[in-house]
C-alpha atoms as a PDB file:
ATOM      1  CA  UNK A   1     125.493 123.067 135.245  1.00  0.00           C
ATOM      2  CA  UNK A   2     126.142 124.463 138.131  1.00  0.00           C
ATOM      3  CA  UNK A   3     124.131 127.589 140.053  1.00  0.00           C
ATOM      4  CA  UNK A   4     125.747 130.927 141.184  1.00  0.00           C
ATOM      5  CA  UNK A   5     123.543 132.148 144.249  1.00  0.00           C
ATOM      6  CA  UNK A   6     123.371 135.629 145.421  1.00  0.00           C
ATOM      7  CA  UNK A   7     122.388 137.255 149.148  1.00  0.00           C
ATOM      8  CA  UNK A   8     122.961 141.285 147.418  1.00  0.00           C
ATOM      9  CA  UNK A   9     123.398 143.320 149.846  1.00  0.00           C
ATOM     10  CA  UNK A  10     124.613 147.009 150.220  1.00  0.00           C
ATOM     11  CA  UNK A  11     127.786 147.217 152.645  1.00  0.00           C
ATOM     12  CA  UNK A  12     128.501 142.820 151.057  1.00  0.00           C
ATOM     13  CA  UNK A  13     127.055 140.671 148.907  1.00  0.00           C
ATOM     14  CA  UNK A  14     126.852 136.978 149.550  1.00  0.00           C
ATOM     15  CA  UNK A  15     127.713 134.044 147.103  1.00  0.00           C
ATOM     16  CA  UNK A  16     126.863 130.327 147.125  1.00  0.00           C
ATOM     17  CA  UNK A  17     127.949 127.399 144.554  1.00  0.00           C
ATOM     18  CA  UNK A  18     125.901 124.687 143.425  1.00  0.00           C
ATOM     19  CA  UNK A  19     127.268 121.308 142.480  1.00  0.00           C
ATOM     20  CA  UNK A  20     126.561 119.944 138.867  1.00  0.00           C
ATOM     21  CA  UNK A  21     123.726 117.677 139.754  1.00  0.00           C
ATOM     22  CA  UNK A  22     122.387 120.690 141.156  1.00  0.00           C
ATOM     23  CA  UNK A  23     122.127 118.867 144.155  1.00  0.00           C
ATOM     24  CA  UNK A  24     124.183 120.457 147.013  1.00  0.00           C
ATOM     25  CA  UNK A  25     124.664 124.199 147.574  1.00  0.00           C
ATOM     26  CA  UNK A  26     128.148 125.063 149.210  1.00  0.00           C
ATOM     27  CA  UNK A  27     129.128 128.758 149.951  1.00  0.00           C
ATOM     28  CA  UNK A  28     131.858 130.322 148.521  1.00  0.00           C
ATOM     29  CA  UNK A  29     132.447 133.414 149.781  1.00  0.00           C
ATOM     30  CA  UNK A  30     131.317 137.214 150.412  1.00  0.00           C
ATOM     31  CA  UNK A  31     132.098 140.304 148.395  1.00  0.00           C
ATOM     32  CA  UNK A  32     132.432 143.537 149.694  1.00  0.00           C
ATOM     33  CA  UNK A  33     130.138 145.722 147.781  1.00  0.00           C
ATOM     34  CA  UNK A  34     131.532 148.614 145.800  1.00  0.00           C
ATOM     35  CA  UNK A  35     129.439 150.235 143.380  1.00  0.00           C
ATOM     36  CA  UNK A  36     126.717 148.377 141.571  1.00  0.00           C
ATOM     37  CA  UNK A  37     129.439 148.217 137.923  1.00  0.00           C
ATOM     38  CA  UNK A  38     132.044 146.924 139.729  1.00  0.00           C
ATOM     39  CA  UNK A  39     130.077 144.583 141.729  1.00  0.00           C
ATOM     40  CA  UNK A  40     127.990 143.777 137.807  1.00  0.00           C
ATOM     41  CA  UNK A  41     131.337 143.395 136.656  1.00  0.00           C
ATOM     42  CA  UNK A  42     132.727 141.466 139.174  1.00  0.00           C
ATOM     43  CA  UNK A  43     130.116 138.241 140.104  1.00  0.00           C
ATOM     44  CA  UNK A  44     129.333 138.798 135.894  1.00  0.00           C
ATOM     45  CA  UNK A  45     132.933 137.703 135.572  1.00  0.00           C
ATOM     46  CA  UNK A  46     132.669 135.555 138.706  1.00  0.00           C
ATOM     47  CA  UNK A  47     129.757 133.366 136.788  1.00  0.00           C
ATOM     48  CA  UNK A  48     131.388 133.405 133.966  1.00  0.00           C
ATOM     49  CA  UNK A  49     134.563 131.328 135.589  1.00  0.00           C
ATOM     50  CA  UNK A  50     132.740 129.204 137.455  1.00  0.00           C
ATOM     51  CA  UNK A  51     130.474 127.903 134.216  1.00  0.00           C
ATOM     52  CA  UNK A  52     127.787 128.689 135.946  1.00  0.00           C
ATOM     53  CA  UNK A  53     124.182 128.109 133.614  1.00  0.00           C
ATOM     54  CA  UNK A  54     121.332 129.795 136.306  1.00  0.00           C
ATOM     55  CA  UNK A  55     121.626 132.393 138.783  1.00  0.00           C
ATOM     56  CA  UNK A  56     119.913 132.518 141.848  1.00  0.00           C
ATOM     57  CA  UNK A  57     119.626 136.379 143.766  1.00  0.00           C
ATOM     58  CA  UNK A  58     117.539 136.137 146.397  1.00  0.00           C
ATOM     59  CA  UNK A  59     114.797 138.523 147.090  1.00  0.00           C
ATOM     60  CA  UNK A  60     113.552 140.360 149.946  1.00  0.00           C
ATOM     61  CA  UNK A  61     110.311 139.750 150.105  1.00  0.00           C
ATOM     62  CA  UNK A  62     108.282 142.081 152.802  1.00  0.00           C
ATOM     63  CA  UNK A  63     106.870 140.018 155.402  1.00  0.00           C
ATOM     64  CA  UNK A  64     103.603 140.730 154.096  1.00  0.00           C
ATOM     65  CA  UNK A  65     104.774 139.578 150.932  1.00  0.00           C
ATOM     66  CA  UNK A  66     104.564 143.258 149.132  1.00  0.00           C
ATOM     67  CA  UNK A  67     107.868 143.889 147.416  1.00  0.00           C
ATOM     68  CA  UNK A  68     108.942 147.642 149.365  1.00  0.00           C
ATOM     69  CA  UNK A  69     112.381 149.792 148.212  1.00  0.00           C
ATOM     70  CA  UNK A  70     115.023 146.623 148.765  1.00  0.00           C
ATOM     71  CA  UNK A  71     113.256 144.083 146.420  1.00  0.00           C
ATOM     72  CA  UNK A  72     112.581 147.272 144.126  1.00  0.00           C
ATOM     73  CA  UNK A  73     116.742 147.703 143.885  1.00  0.00           C
ATOM     74  CA  UNK A  74     117.633 144.359 143.771  1.00  0.00           C
ATOM     75  CA  UNK A  75     114.721 143.485 141.064  1.00  0.00           C
ATOM     76  CA  UNK A  76     117.563 146.287 139.742  1.00  0.00           C
ATOM     77  CA  UNK A  77     120.918 145.026 140.560  1.00  0.00           C
ATOM     78  CA  UNK A  78     119.686 141.124 138.658  1.00  0.00           C
ATOM     79  CA  UNK A  79     117.864 142.774 135.259  1.00  0.00           C
ATOM     80  CA  UNK A  80     121.209 144.591 134.843  1.00  0.00           C
ATOM     81  CA  UNK A  81     124.003 141.771 135.828  1.00  0.00           C
ATOM     82  CA  UNK A  82     121.233 138.990 133.731  1.00  0.00           C
ATOM     83  CA  UNK A  83     122.180 141.864 130.527  1.00  0.00           C
ATOM     84  CA  UNK A  84     125.799 142.161 131.299  1.00  0.00           C
ATOM     85  CA  UNK A  85     126.555 138.459 131.987  1.00  0.00           C
ATOM     86  CA  UNK A  86     123.977 136.406 130.014  1.00  0.00           C
ATOM     87  CA  UNK A  87     122.675 134.811 132.538  1.00  0.00           C
ATOM     88  CA  UNK A  88     119.765 133.562 133.106  1.00  0.00           C
ATOM     89  CA  UNK A  89     118.250 135.146 136.702  1.00  0.00           C
ATOM     90  CA  UNK A  90     115.843 133.869 138.649  1.00  0.00           C
ATOM     91  CA  UNK A  91     114.831 135.510 141.738  1.00  0.00           C
ATOM     92  CA  UNK A  92     114.219 133.878 145.295  1.00  0.00           C
ATOM     93  CA  UNK A  93     112.572 134.800 148.269  1.00  0.00           C
ATOM     94  CA  UNK A  94     114.705 135.339 151.080  1.00  0.00           C
ATOM     95  CA  UNK A  95     112.829 135.939 153.551  1.00  0.00           C
ATOM     96  CA  UNK A  96     114.598 134.868 156.709  1.00  0.00           C
ATOM     97  CA  UNK A  97     117.143 134.076 155.970  1.00  0.00           C
ATOM     98  CA  UNK A  98     119.774 136.390 157.786  1.00  0.00           C
ATOM     99  CA  UNK A  99     117.315 135.002 160.202  1.00  0.00           C
ATOM    100  CA  UNK A 100     118.332 131.056 159.609  1.00  0.00           C
ATOM    101  CA  UNK A 101     121.967 131.754 158.876  1.00  0.00           C
ATOM    102  CA  UNK A 102     122.429 134.060 162.624  1.00  0.00           C
ATOM    103  CA  UNK A 103     120.865 131.547 164.388  1.00  0.00           C
ATOM    104  CA  UNK A 104     123.526 128.392 162.672  1.00  0.00           C
ATOM    105  CA  UNK A 105     126.161 130.217 163.334  1.00  0.00           C
ATOM    106  CA  UNK A 106     124.897 131.110 167.040  1.00  0.00           C
ATOM    107  CA  UNK A 107     124.683 126.905 167.505  1.00  0.00           C
ATOM    108  CA  UNK A 108     127.368 126.749 166.336  1.00  0.00           C
ATOM    109  CA  UNK A 109     129.064 129.004 169.592  1.00  0.00           C
ATOM    110  CA  UNK A 110     131.144 131.283 166.385  1.00  0.00           C
ATOM    111  CA  UNK A 111     131.392 134.758 167.680  1.00  0.00           C
ATOM    112  CA  UNK A 112     129.813 137.590 166.579  1.00  0.00           C
ATOM    113  CA  UNK A 113     132.846 139.267 164.897  1.00  0.00           C
ATOM    114  CA  UNK A 114     133.197 135.725 162.735  1.00  0.00           C
ATOM    115  CA  UNK A 115     129.041 135.493 162.631  1.00  0.00           C
ATOM    116  CA  UNK A 116     129.503 139.178 160.890  1.00  0.00           C
ATOM    117  CA  UNK A 117     132.381 137.973 158.497  1.00  0.00           C
ATOM    118  CA  UNK A 118     130.288 134.881 157.436  1.00  0.00           C
ATOM    119  CA  UNK A 119     126.307 135.685 157.656  1.00  0.00           C
ATOM    120  CA  UNK A 120     125.701 136.767 153.685  1.00  0.00           C
ATOM    121  CA  UNK A 121     127.906 133.810 152.672  1.00  0.00           C
ATOM    122  CA  UNK A 122     126.127 130.927 155.043  1.00  0.00           C
ATOM    123  CA  UNK A 123     122.580 133.316 153.526  1.00  0.00           C
ATOM    124  CA  UNK A 124     123.497 131.958 149.929  1.00  0.00           C
ATOM    125  CA  UNK A 125     124.197 129.220 150.744  1.00  0.00           C
ATOM    126  CA  UNK A 126     120.733 128.850 152.405  1.00  0.00           C
ATOM    127  CA  UNK A 127     119.158 130.240 149.416  1.00  0.00           C
ATOM    128  CA  UNK A 128     120.599 128.020 146.515  1.00  0.00           C
ATOM    129  CA  UNK A 129     119.586 125.447 148.982  1.00  0.00           C
ATOM    130  CA  UNK A 130     115.763 125.439 149.108  1.00  0.00           C
ATOM    131  CA  UNK A 131     116.093 126.430 145.239  1.00  0.00           C
ATOM    132  CA  UNK A 132     117.268 123.101 144.238  1.00  0.00           C
ATOM    133  CA  UNK A 133     115.127 121.154 146.750  1.00  0.00           C
ATOM    134  CA  UNK A 134     112.218 123.241 145.258  1.00  0.00           C
ATOM    135  CA  UNK A 135     113.485 122.027 141.313  1.00  0.00           C
ATOM    136  CA  UNK A 136     113.811 118.355 142.771  1.00  0.00           C
ATOM    137  CA  UNK A 137     109.964 118.154 144.412  1.00  0.00           C
ATOM    138  CA  UNK A 138     108.813 119.803 140.861  1.00  0.00           C
ATOM    139  CA  UNK A 139     110.490 117.048 139.318  1.00  0.00           C
END
Protein backbone atom coordinates (compact mmCIF):
# COMPACT_ATOMS: atom_id res chain seq x y z
CA UNK A 1 0.00 0.00 0.00
CA UNK A 2 1.16 3.53 -0.67
CA UNK A 3 1.15 6.04 2.18
CA UNK A 4 0.82 9.79 1.69
CA UNK A 5 2.49 12.09 4.22
CA UNK A 6 1.62 15.70 4.88
CA UNK A 7 3.57 18.49 6.55
CA UNK A 8 0.66 20.89 7.06
CA UNK A 9 1.41 24.60 7.24
CA UNK A 10 -0.47 27.86 6.83
CA UNK A 11 1.43 28.95 3.72
CA UNK A 12 2.68 25.67 2.24
CA UNK A 13 1.87 21.98 2.57
CA UNK A 14 4.69 19.51 2.06
CA UNK A 15 3.82 16.14 0.52
CA UNK A 16 5.62 12.80 0.35
CA UNK A 17 4.63 9.33 -0.80
CA UNK A 18 5.86 5.85 0.07
CA UNK A 19 6.57 3.06 -2.34
CA UNK A 20 4.13 0.14 -2.37
CA UNK A 21 6.35 -1.94 -0.07
CA UNK A 22 6.15 0.83 2.56
CA UNK A 23 9.93 1.00 2.75
CA UNK A 24 10.98 4.26 1.13
CA UNK A 25 9.51 7.76 1.38
CA UNK A 26 9.93 10.15 -1.54
CA UNK A 27 9.11 13.86 -1.67
CA UNK A 28 6.40 14.66 -4.24
CA UNK A 29 6.17 18.42 -3.91
CA UNK A 30 4.77 21.37 -2.08
CA UNK A 31 1.24 22.71 -2.39
CA UNK A 32 0.61 26.41 -1.81
CA UNK A 33 -2.17 26.62 0.75
CA UNK A 34 -5.30 28.47 -0.36
CA UNK A 35 -8.09 27.74 2.11
CA UNK A 36 -8.84 24.75 4.31
CA UNK A 37 -11.59 23.57 1.93
CA UNK A 38 -9.46 23.88 -1.23
CA UNK A 39 -6.48 22.30 0.54
CA UNK A 40 -8.56 19.33 1.67
CA UNK A 41 -10.13 18.85 -1.75
CA UNK A 42 -6.69 18.97 -3.41
CA UNK A 43 -5.09 16.52 -0.99
CA UNK A 44 -8.07 14.13 -1.04
CA UNK A 45 -7.90 14.05 -4.85
CA UNK A 46 -4.12 13.58 -4.77
CA UNK A 47 -4.41 10.71 -2.28
CA UNK A 48 -6.91 8.95 -4.54
CA UNK A 49 -4.81 9.61 -7.65
CA UNK A 50 -1.72 8.17 -5.95
CA UNK A 51 -3.79 5.27 -4.56
CA UNK A 52 -2.81 6.02 -0.97
CA UNK A 53 -4.34 3.66 1.56
CA UNK A 54 -3.24 5.73 4.55
CA UNK A 55 -2.33 9.34 5.26
CA UNK A 56 0.33 10.27 7.82
CA UNK A 57 -0.16 13.81 9.04
CA UNK A 58 2.70 15.49 10.87
CA UNK A 59 1.53 16.73 14.28
CA UNK A 60 3.43 19.75 15.63
CA UNK A 61 3.78 18.72 19.26
CA UNK A 62 5.38 21.25 21.62
CA UNK A 63 8.82 20.37 22.98
CA UNK A 64 7.25 19.57 26.37
CA UNK A 65 4.90 17.07 24.71
CA UNK A 66 1.78 19.25 24.95
CA UNK A 67 -0.51 20.13 22.07
CA UNK A 68 -0.77 23.81 21.24
CA UNK A 69 -2.87 25.88 18.88
CA UNK A 70 -1.01 24.68 15.78
CA UNK A 71 -1.47 21.01 16.74
CA UNK A 72 -5.17 21.56 17.34
CA UNK A 73 -5.51 23.22 13.92
CA UNK A 74 -3.69 20.30 12.35
CA UNK A 75 -6.00 17.80 14.07
CA UNK A 76 -9.06 19.72 12.83
CA UNK A 77 -7.62 19.60 9.31
CA UNK A 78 -7.00 15.86 9.67
CA UNK A 79 -10.52 15.15 10.90
CA UNK A 80 -12.08 16.87 7.90
CA UNK A 81 -9.57 15.35 5.46
CA UNK A 82 -10.33 11.86 6.76
CA UNK A 83 -14.08 12.43 6.33
CA UNK A 84 -13.75 13.89 2.82
CA UNK A 85 -11.14 11.43 1.51
CA UNK A 86 -12.40 8.30 3.25
CA UNK A 87 -8.75 7.46 4.01
CA UNK A 88 -7.60 6.81 7.57
CA UNK A 89 -5.35 9.48 9.09
CA UNK A 90 -2.48 8.66 11.43
CA UNK A 91 -0.74 11.47 13.31
CA UNK A 92 3.05 11.44 13.63
CA UNK A 93 4.98 13.66 16.03
CA UNK A 94 6.93 16.02 13.80
CA UNK A 95 9.09 17.74 16.40
CA UNK A 96 12.32 19.01 14.85
CA UNK A 97 11.61 17.67 11.34
CA UNK A 98 11.86 21.15 9.83
CA UNK A 99 15.13 21.73 11.70
CA UNK A 100 16.45 18.41 10.38
CA UNK A 101 15.33 19.27 6.85
CA UNK A 102 16.95 22.71 7.07
CA UNK A 103 20.26 21.22 8.25
CA UNK A 104 20.22 18.70 5.42
CA UNK A 105 19.64 21.40 2.82
CA UNK A 106 22.34 23.64 4.30
CA UNK A 107 24.79 20.72 4.25
CA UNK A 108 23.97 20.34 0.56
CA UNK A 109 24.92 24.01 0.09
CA UNK A 110 21.44 24.88 -1.09
CA UNK A 111 20.72 28.60 -1.28
CA UNK A 112 18.14 30.07 1.10
CA UNK A 113 15.65 30.90 -1.68
CA UNK A 114 15.73 27.32 -2.98
CA UNK A 115 15.50 25.89 0.57
CA UNK A 116 12.19 27.71 1.07
CA UNK A 117 10.80 25.95 -2.00
CA UNK A 118 11.71 22.41 -0.93
CA UNK A 119 11.85 22.38 2.88
CA UNK A 120 8.20 21.44 3.33
CA UNK A 121 8.29 18.46 1.00
CA UNK A 122 11.56 17.31 2.60
CA UNK A 123 9.91 17.63 6.03
CA UNK A 124 7.01 15.48 4.80
CA UNK A 125 9.54 12.92 3.54
CA UNK A 126 11.26 12.86 6.96
CA UNK A 127 7.90 12.46 8.74
CA UNK A 128 6.94 9.58 6.45
CA UNK A 129 10.31 7.83 6.58
CA UNK A 130 10.24 8.04 10.38
CA UNK A 131 6.75 6.50 10.38
CA UNK A 132 7.78 3.73 7.96
CA UNK A 133 10.90 2.89 9.98
CA UNK A 134 8.87 2.76 13.21
CA UNK A 135 6.35 0.40 11.59
CA UNK A 136 9.13 -1.93 10.46
CA UNK A 137 10.47 -2.07 14.05
CA UNK A 138 7.01 -2.92 15.39
CA UNK A 139 6.41 -5.69 12.85
